[in-house]
């Protein structure tokens, strides 16, 4: 695994999470589904160490998603960032 500074690691994870969002929707944005999509194939536990909860990961994805898809899907599930 490539050792990246925290902010850069967060960007890598969020980019992978956006890929999952585009392909499968917000419900599939999880530590386990995002980890293998990162450029360096980090573990789910590494994703969890960066974003402590699924809600924190979802919030980051919603903020990074320029299409509004994440926010819309999350809202239908009762999630509000």
N, C-alpha and C. Protein backbone atom coordinates (compact mmCIF):
# COMPACT_ATOMS: atom_id res chain seq x y z
N UNK A 1 0.84 -1.17 0.00
CA UNK A 1 0.00 0.00 0.00
C UNK A 1 0.89 1.24 0.00
N UNK A 2 0.45 2.22 -0.78
CA UNK A 2 1.16 3.49 -0.85
C UNK A 2 0.77 4.32 0.37
N UNK A 3 1.76 4.84 1.07
CA UNK A 3 1.49 5.69 2.24
C UNK A 3 1.24 7.12 1.76
N UNK A 4 -0.01 7.57 1.91
CA UNK A 4 -0.39 8.91 1.48
C UNK A 4 -0.71 9.78 2.68
N UNK A 5 -0.53 11.09 2.55
CA UNK A 5 -1.00 12.00 3.61
C UNK A 5 -2.52 11.85 3.76
N UNK A 6 -3.02 12.15 4.94
CA UNK A 6 -4.44 11.92 5.26
C UNK A 6 -5.39 12.55 4.25
N UNK A 7 -5.18 13.81 3.91
CA UNK A 7 -6.09 14.48 2.97
C UNK A 7 -6.08 13.83 1.60
N UNK A 8 -4.91 13.41 1.16
CA UNK A 8 -4.80 12.74 -0.13
C UNK A 8 -5.48 11.38 -0.07
N UNK A 9 -5.30 10.65 1.02
CA UNK A 9 -5.95 9.35 1.21
C UNK A 9 -7.47 9.52 1.18
N UNK A 10 -7.97 10.57 1.82
CA UNK A 10 -9.41 10.83 1.81
C UNK A 10 -9.91 11.06 0.39
N UNK A 11 -9.17 11.83 -0.40
CA UNK A 11 -9.57 12.08 -1.80
C UNK A 11 -9.60 10.79 -2.61
N UNK A 12 -8.61 9.93 -2.41
CA UNK A 12 -8.56 8.65 -3.13
C UNK A 12 -9.80 7.82 -2.78
N UNK A 13 -10.13 7.78 -1.51
CA UNK A 13 -11.29 6.99 -1.06
C UNK A 13 -12.59 7.59 -1.60
N UNK A 14 -12.72 8.89 -1.53
CA UNK A 14 -13.95 9.52 -2.03
C UNK A 14 -14.08 9.31 -3.53
N UNK A 15 -13.00 9.39 -4.28
CA UNK A 15 -13.07 9.13 -5.72
C UNK A 15 -13.54 7.70 -6.00
N UNK A 16 -13.04 6.75 -5.23
CA UNK A 16 -13.49 5.36 -5.38
C UNK A 16 -14.96 5.24 -5.00
N UNK A 17 -15.36 5.93 -3.95
CA UNK A 17 -16.76 5.89 -3.52
C UNK A 17 -17.68 6.49 -4.58
N UNK A 18 -17.22 7.53 -5.26
CA UNK A 18 -18.01 8.12 -6.35
C UNK A 18 -18.17 7.13 -7.49
N UNK A 19 -17.15 6.31 -7.75
CA UNK A 19 -17.27 5.25 -8.75
C UNK A 19 -18.36 4.25 -8.36
N UNK A 20 -18.36 3.86 -7.10
CA UNK A 20 -19.39 2.94 -6.61
C UNK A 20 -20.76 3.59 -6.74
N UNK A 21 -20.87 4.85 -6.36
CA UNK A 21 -22.14 5.58 -6.47
C UNK A 21 -22.65 5.55 -7.90
N UNK A 22 -21.80 5.88 -8.85
CA UNK A 22 -22.21 5.92 -10.26
C UNK A 22 -22.66 4.55 -10.75
N UNK A 23 -21.94 3.52 -10.34
CA UNK A 23 -22.24 2.17 -10.84
C UNK A 23 -23.39 1.48 -10.13
N UNK A 24 -23.50 1.71 -8.80
CA UNK A 24 -24.42 0.89 -8.01
C UNK A 24 -25.39 1.67 -7.13
N UNK A 25 -25.14 2.97 -6.93
CA UNK A 25 -26.01 3.76 -6.07
C UNK A 25 -25.46 3.90 -4.66
N UNK A 26 -26.07 4.82 -3.94
CA UNK A 26 -25.57 5.18 -2.61
C UNK A 26 -25.62 4.01 -1.62
N UNK A 27 -26.62 3.15 -1.73
CA UNK A 27 -26.72 2.02 -0.78
C UNK A 27 -25.51 1.10 -0.83
N UNK A 28 -24.83 1.08 -1.95
CA UNK A 28 -23.66 0.21 -2.10
C UNK A 28 -22.35 0.89 -1.71
N UNK A 29 -22.42 2.16 -1.33
CA UNK A 29 -21.22 2.87 -0.88
C UNK A 29 -20.94 2.44 0.56
N UNK A 30 -20.04 1.48 0.68
CA UNK A 30 -19.67 0.91 1.98
C UNK A 30 -18.16 0.75 2.03
N UNK A 31 -17.64 0.54 3.22
CA UNK A 31 -16.19 0.33 3.36
C UNK A 31 -15.74 -0.82 2.46
N UNK A 32 -16.52 -1.90 2.47
CA UNK A 32 -16.15 -3.11 1.73
C UNK A 32 -16.20 -2.92 0.22
N UNK A 33 -17.16 -2.14 -0.27
CA UNK A 33 -17.28 -1.95 -1.71
C UNK A 33 -16.36 -0.87 -2.26
N UNK A 34 -15.99 0.07 -1.41
CA UNK A 34 -15.13 1.17 -1.86
C UNK A 34 -13.66 0.75 -1.88
N UNK A 35 -13.23 0.02 -0.89
CA UNK A 35 -11.80 -0.33 -0.76
C UNK A 35 -11.17 -0.91 -2.02
N UNK A 36 -11.77 -1.91 -2.66
CA UNK A 36 -11.12 -2.47 -3.85
C UNK A 36 -11.13 -1.54 -5.07
N UNK A 37 -11.88 -0.48 -5.01
CA UNK A 37 -11.94 0.48 -6.12
C UNK A 37 -10.87 1.56 -6.01
N UNK A 38 -10.17 1.63 -4.90
CA UNK A 38 -9.12 2.65 -4.76
C UNK A 38 -7.94 2.30 -5.66
N UNK A 39 -7.15 3.29 -5.99
CA UNK A 39 -6.05 3.07 -6.93
C UNK A 39 -5.03 2.06 -6.40
N UNK A 40 -4.92 1.98 -5.07
CA UNK A 40 -3.94 1.06 -4.51
C UNK A 40 -4.59 -0.13 -3.77
N UNK A 41 -5.89 -0.32 -4.02
CA UNK A 41 -6.61 -1.50 -3.48
C UNK A 41 -6.43 -1.65 -1.98
N UNK A 42 -6.75 -0.59 -1.23
CA UNK A 42 -6.61 -0.64 0.22
C UNK A 42 -7.67 -1.56 0.82
N UNK A 43 -7.54 -1.84 2.09
CA UNK A 43 -8.49 -2.72 2.77
C UNK A 43 -9.69 -1.91 3.28
N UNK A 44 -10.77 -2.63 3.54
CA UNK A 44 -11.96 -2.00 4.12
C UNK A 44 -11.62 -1.39 5.48
N UNK A 45 -10.75 -2.02 6.23
CA UNK A 45 -10.39 -1.46 7.54
C UNK A 45 -9.63 -0.14 7.40
N UNK A 46 -8.89 0.03 6.31
CA UNK A 46 -8.22 1.31 6.07
C UNK A 46 -9.24 2.39 5.75
N UNK A 47 -10.24 2.05 4.95
CA UNK A 47 -11.31 3.01 4.66
C UNK A 47 -11.99 3.41 5.96
N UNK A 48 -12.25 2.43 6.81
CA UNK A 48 -12.92 2.70 8.09
C UNK A 48 -12.03 3.54 9.01
N UNK A 49 -10.72 3.38 8.93
CA UNK A 49 -9.85 4.18 9.78
C UNK A 49 -9.83 5.64 9.35
N UNK A 50 -10.11 5.90 8.08
CA UNK A 50 -10.15 7.26 7.57
C UNK A 50 -11.53 7.89 7.80
N UNK A 51 -12.58 7.15 7.45
CA UNK A 51 -13.96 7.58 7.65
C UNK A 51 -14.55 6.64 8.69
N UNK A 52 -14.64 7.10 9.89
CA UNK A 52 -14.97 6.22 11.04
C UNK A 52 -16.32 5.53 10.93
N UNK A 53 -17.27 6.15 10.22
CA UNK A 53 -18.61 5.57 10.10
C UNK A 53 -19.07 5.62 8.65
N UNK A 54 -20.06 4.83 8.33
CA UNK A 54 -20.65 4.88 7.00
C UNK A 54 -21.24 6.26 6.76
N UNK A 55 -21.85 6.84 7.79
CA UNK A 55 -22.43 8.17 7.64
C UNK A 55 -21.37 9.21 7.26
N UNK A 56 -20.19 9.11 7.84
CA UNK A 56 -19.11 10.03 7.51
C UNK A 56 -18.67 9.84 6.05
N UNK A 57 -18.61 8.60 5.62
CA UNK A 57 -18.26 8.31 4.22
C UNK A 57 -19.33 8.86 3.29
N UNK A 58 -20.59 8.60 3.61
CA UNK A 58 -21.69 9.11 2.78
C UNK A 58 -21.66 10.63 2.72
N UNK A 59 -21.43 11.28 3.84
CA UNK A 59 -21.38 12.75 3.86
C UNK A 59 -20.29 13.26 2.93
N UNK A 60 -19.13 12.64 2.97
CA UNK A 60 -18.03 13.05 2.08
C UNK A 60 -18.40 12.84 0.62
N UNK A 61 -19.07 11.74 0.32
CA UNK A 61 -19.49 11.45 -1.05
C UNK A 61 -20.53 12.46 -1.51
N UNK A 62 -21.50 12.75 -0.66
CA UNK A 62 -22.54 13.72 -1.00
C UNK A 62 -21.92 15.08 -1.30
N UNK A 63 -20.96 15.49 -0.49
CA UNK A 63 -20.30 16.77 -0.69
C UNK A 63 -19.47 16.80 -1.98
N UNK A 64 -18.90 15.67 -2.35
CA UNK A 64 -18.03 15.61 -3.53
C UNK A 64 -18.80 15.38 -4.83
N UNK A 65 -20.00 14.86 -4.73
CA UNK A 65 -20.79 14.52 -5.91
C UNK A 65 -21.35 15.78 -6.56
N UNK A 66 -20.89 16.08 -7.75
CA UNK A 66 -21.35 17.26 -8.44
C UNK A 66 -22.68 17.10 -9.14
N UNK A 67 -23.20 15.89 -9.19
CA UNK A 67 -24.45 15.64 -9.92
C UNK A 67 -25.69 15.77 -9.05
N UNK A 68 -25.54 15.66 -7.74
CA UNK A 68 -26.69 15.66 -6.85
C UNK A 68 -27.30 14.29 -6.65
N UNK A 69 -26.80 13.30 -7.39
CA UNK A 69 -27.35 11.94 -7.29
C UNK A 69 -27.24 11.39 -5.87
N UNK A 70 -26.08 11.55 -5.25
CA UNK A 70 -25.87 11.00 -3.91
C UNK A 70 -26.83 11.63 -2.91
N UNK A 71 -26.96 12.95 -2.94
CA UNK A 71 -27.84 13.64 -2.01
C UNK A 71 -29.29 13.20 -2.20
N UNK A 72 -29.71 13.10 -3.46
CA UNK A 72 -31.08 12.70 -3.77
C UNK A 72 -31.36 11.27 -3.29
N UNK A 73 -30.46 10.34 -3.60
CA UNK A 73 -30.65 8.96 -3.17
C UNK A 73 -30.63 8.83 -1.66
N UNK A 74 -29.69 9.52 -1.02
CA UNK A 74 -29.58 9.46 0.44
C UNK A 74 -30.83 10.03 1.10
N UNK A 75 -31.37 11.10 0.55
CA UNK A 75 -32.58 11.72 1.12
C UNK A 75 -33.76 10.76 1.05
N UNK A 76 -33.87 9.99 -0.03
CA UNK A 76 -34.98 9.04 -0.14
C UNK A 76 -34.87 7.95 0.91
N UNK A 77 -33.67 7.75 1.44
CA UNK A 77 -33.44 6.75 2.48
C UNK A 77 -33.51 7.37 3.89
N UNK A 78 -33.80 8.66 3.94
CA UNK A 78 -33.91 9.34 5.23
C UNK A 78 -32.59 9.85 5.78
N UNK A 79 -31.54 9.83 4.96
CA UNK A 79 -30.23 10.31 5.38
C UNK A 79 -30.09 11.76 4.96
N UNK A 80 -29.70 12.59 5.91
CA UNK A 80 -29.44 14.00 5.62
C UNK A 80 -28.08 14.35 6.19
N UNK A 81 -27.24 14.91 5.33
CA UNK A 81 -25.89 15.29 5.76
C UNK A 81 -25.88 16.57 6.52
